[in-house]
C-alpha atoms as a PDB file:
ATOM      1  CA  MET A   1      16.310  16.995  -1.094  1.00  0.00           C
ATOM      2  CA  ALA A   2      16.618  18.793  -4.498  1.00  0.00           C
ATOM      3  CA  LYS A   3      18.713  15.962  -5.477  1.00  0.00           C
ATOM      4  CA  LEU A   4      16.532  13.158  -4.512  1.00  0.00           C
ATOM      5  CA  SER A   5      13.758  14.764  -6.274  1.00  0.00           C
ATOM      6  CA  GLU A   6      16.048  14.977  -9.476  1.00  0.00           C
ATOM      7  CA  GLU A   7      16.941  11.215  -9.049  1.00  0.00           C
ATOM      8  CA  PHE A   8      13.496   9.967  -8.376  1.00  0.00           C
ATOM      9  CA  LYS A   9      11.880  11.286 -11.438  1.00  0.00           C
ATOM     10  CA  ASN A  10       8.587   9.403 -10.892  1.00  0.00           C
ATOM     11  CA  PRO A  11       5.101  10.385 -11.115  1.00  0.00           C
ATOM     12  CA  ASP A  12       4.277   8.489  -8.174  1.00  0.00           C
ATOM     13  CA  PHE A  13       7.193  10.090  -5.891  1.00  0.00           C
ATOM     14  CA  VAL A  14       6.561  13.836  -4.665  1.00  0.00           C
ATOM     15  CA  LEU A  15       8.480  15.908  -2.247  1.00  0.00           C
ATOM     16  CA  LEU A  16       6.062  18.387  -0.452  1.00  0.00           C
ATOM     17  CA  LYS A  17       7.467  20.784   2.013  1.00  0.00           C
ATOM     18  CA  VAL A  18       5.169  22.507   4.089  1.00  0.00           C
ATOM     19  CA  ALA A  19       5.990  25.805   5.496  1.00  0.00           C
ATOM     20  CA  THR A  20       3.976  26.522   8.598  1.00  0.00           C
ATOM     21  CA  LYS A  21       3.101  30.016   9.935  1.00  0.00           C
ATOM     22  CA  GLU A  22       4.935  31.639   6.926  1.00  0.00           C
ATOM     23  CA  LYS A  23       3.648  34.393   4.628  1.00  0.00           C
ATOM     24  CA  GLU A  24       3.742  33.259   0.979  1.00  0.00           C
ATOM     25  CA  LYS A  25       5.638  36.159   0.023  1.00  0.00           C
ATOM     26  CA  ASP A  26       8.575  34.683   2.317  1.00  0.00           C
ATOM     27  CA  VAL A  27       7.982  31.415   0.513  1.00  0.00           C
ATOM     28  CA  ILE A  28       8.333  32.596  -2.859  1.00  0.00           C
ATOM     29  CA  LYS A  29      11.702  34.579  -1.985  1.00  0.00           C
ATOM     30  CA  TYR A  30      12.880  31.240  -0.241  1.00  0.00           C
ATOM     31  CA  LYS A  31      12.321  29.225  -3.513  1.00  0.00           C
ATOM     32  CA  LYS A  32      13.955  31.655  -5.664  1.00  0.00           C
ATOM     33  CA  GLU A  33      16.937  32.341  -3.369  1.00  0.00           C
ATOM     34  CA  HIS A  34      17.622  28.621  -2.944  1.00  0.00           C
ATOM     35  CA  ASN A  35      16.961  27.448  -6.338  1.00  0.00           C
ATOM     36  CA  PHE A  36      14.041  25.224  -4.703  1.00  0.00           C
ATOM     37  CA  SER A  37      11.650  23.356  -7.566  1.00  0.00           C
ATOM     38  CA  SER A  38       9.371  21.296  -5.347  1.00  0.00           C
ATOM     39  CA  PRO A  39       6.250  22.811  -4.273  1.00  0.00           C
ATOM     40  CA  ILE A  40       6.006  24.311  -0.826  1.00  0.00           C
ATOM     41  CA  LEU A  41       2.466  24.122   0.810  1.00  0.00           C
ATOM     42  CA  VAL A  42       2.008  27.782   2.763  1.00  0.00           C
ATOM     43  CA  GLU A  43      -0.097  27.409   5.902  1.00  0.00           C
ATOM     44  CA  GLU A  44      -0.490  30.434   7.664  1.00  0.00           C
ATOM     45  CA  ASP A  45      -2.896  28.846  10.029  1.00  0.00           C
ATOM     46  CA  ALA A  46      -0.654  25.351  10.860  1.00  0.00           C
ATOM     47  CA  ALA A  47      -3.965  23.168   9.969  1.00  0.00           C
ATOM     48  CA  VAL A  48      -1.937  20.594   7.765  1.00  0.00           C
ATOM     49  CA  SER A  49       0.613  20.598  10.683  1.00  0.00           C
ATOM     50  CA  THR A  50      -1.987  20.309  13.733  1.00  0.00           C
ATOM     51  CA  ALA A  51      -3.868  17.122  11.508  1.00  0.00           C
ATOM     52  CA  TYR A  52      -0.692  15.531  11.105  1.00  0.00           C
ATOM     53  CA  GLY A  53       0.391  16.218  14.848  1.00  0.00           C
ATOM     54  CA  VAL A  54       3.893  18.042  13.732  1.00  0.00           C
ATOM     55  CA  TRP A  55       4.744  20.041  17.053  1.00  0.00           C
ATOM     56  CA  ASN A  56       8.428  20.213  15.971  1.00  0.00           C
ATOM     57  CA  ARG A  57      10.345  20.228  12.912  1.00  0.00           C
ATOM     58  CA  PRO A  58      11.749  19.108  10.456  1.00  0.00           C
ATOM     59  CA  GLN A  59       9.644  15.868  10.130  1.00  0.00           C
ATOM     60  CA  THR A  60       9.367  13.757   7.285  1.00  0.00           C
ATOM     61  CA  PHE A  61       6.305  11.688   6.315  1.00  0.00           C
ATOM     62  CA  PHE A  62       5.957   8.872   3.677  1.00  0.00           C
ATOM     63  CA  ILE A  63       2.740   8.479   2.616  1.00  0.00           C
ATOM     64  CA  ASN A  64       1.454   5.975   0.318  1.00  0.00           C
ATOM     65  CA  ARG A  65      -0.838   6.084  -2.909  1.00  0.00           C
ATOM     66  CA  GLU A  66      -3.993   5.761  -0.776  1.00  0.00           C
ATOM     67  CA  GLY A  67      -2.711   8.772   1.353  1.00  0.00           C
ATOM     68  CA  LYS A  68      -1.988   6.416   4.147  1.00  0.00           C
ATOM     69  CA  ILE A  69       1.109   7.416   6.433  1.00  0.00           C
ATOM     70  CA  VAL A  70       3.667   4.476   6.095  1.00  0.00           C
ATOM     71  CA  GLY A  71       6.649   6.221   7.584  1.00  0.00           C
ATOM     72  CA  ARG A  72       7.511   9.131   9.543  1.00  0.00           C
ATOM     73  CA  VAL A  73      11.144  10.401  10.225  1.00  0.00           C
ATOM     74  CA  LEU A  74      11.485  12.863  12.998  1.00  0.00           C
ATOM     75  CA  LYS A  75      14.902  14.615  12.579  1.00  0.00           C
ATOM     76  CA  GLU A  76      17.201  15.617   9.715  1.00  0.00           C
ATOM     77  CA  MET A  77      18.546  12.895   7.344  1.00  0.00           C
ATOM     78  CA  ASP A  78      20.793  12.490   4.508  1.00  0.00           C
ATOM     79  CA  TRP A  79      18.532  12.144   2.160  1.00  0.00           C
ATOM     80  CA  THR A  80      21.141  10.670  -0.584  1.00  0.00           C
ATOM     81  CA  SER A  81      22.253   8.128   1.660  1.00  0.00           C
ATOM     82  CA  LYS A  82      22.037   4.672   0.093  1.00  0.00           C
ATOM     83  CA  ASN A  83      19.715   3.587   3.068  1.00  0.00           C
ATOM     84  CA  MET A  84      17.388   6.280   2.337  1.00  0.00           C
ATOM     85  CA  LYS A  85      17.311   5.836  -1.780  1.00  0.00           C
ATOM     86  CA  ASP A  86      16.630   2.014  -0.984  1.00  0.00           C
ATOM     87  CA  LEU A  87      13.641   2.665   1.498  1.00  0.00           C
ATOM     88  CA  ILE A  88      12.140   5.031  -1.447  1.00  0.00           C
ATOM     89  CA  GLU A  89      12.819   2.612  -4.075  1.00  0.00           C
ATOM     90  CA  TYR A  90      11.081  -0.177  -1.665  1.00  0.00           C
ATOM     91  CA  LEU A  91       8.033   2.153  -1.386  1.00  0.00           C
ATOM     92  CA  LEU A  92       7.812   3.048  -5.123  1.00  0.00           C
ATOM     93  CA  LYS A  93       7.896  -0.765  -5.988  1.00  0.00           C
ATOM     94  CA  GLU A  94       4.355  -1.155  -3.788  1.00  0.00           C
ATOM     95  CA  LYS A  95       1.269  -2.898  -5.573  1.00  0.00           C
ATOM     96  CA  LYS A  96      -0.513   0.078  -7.352  1.00  0.00           C
END
């Protein structure tokens, strides 16, 4: 996902990982060890996961500018594939 974030340097494109039931110090360590620059939301109580109905991982949500979920992936994906890049480009071209 880091490569994808670098490729789509666009203020309308944000990759946000959610660390559910993790300690902040462990997430900071993970970011340093894996040279991960995208933001990570740390939620020790799983409130965000519960709100979005996430019970297993990984899951990916595509959320538009209005905050509406416009897509959801329930498995691990090759985010560098042409299909995924085309989807992201399409979503970014939506009217502002």
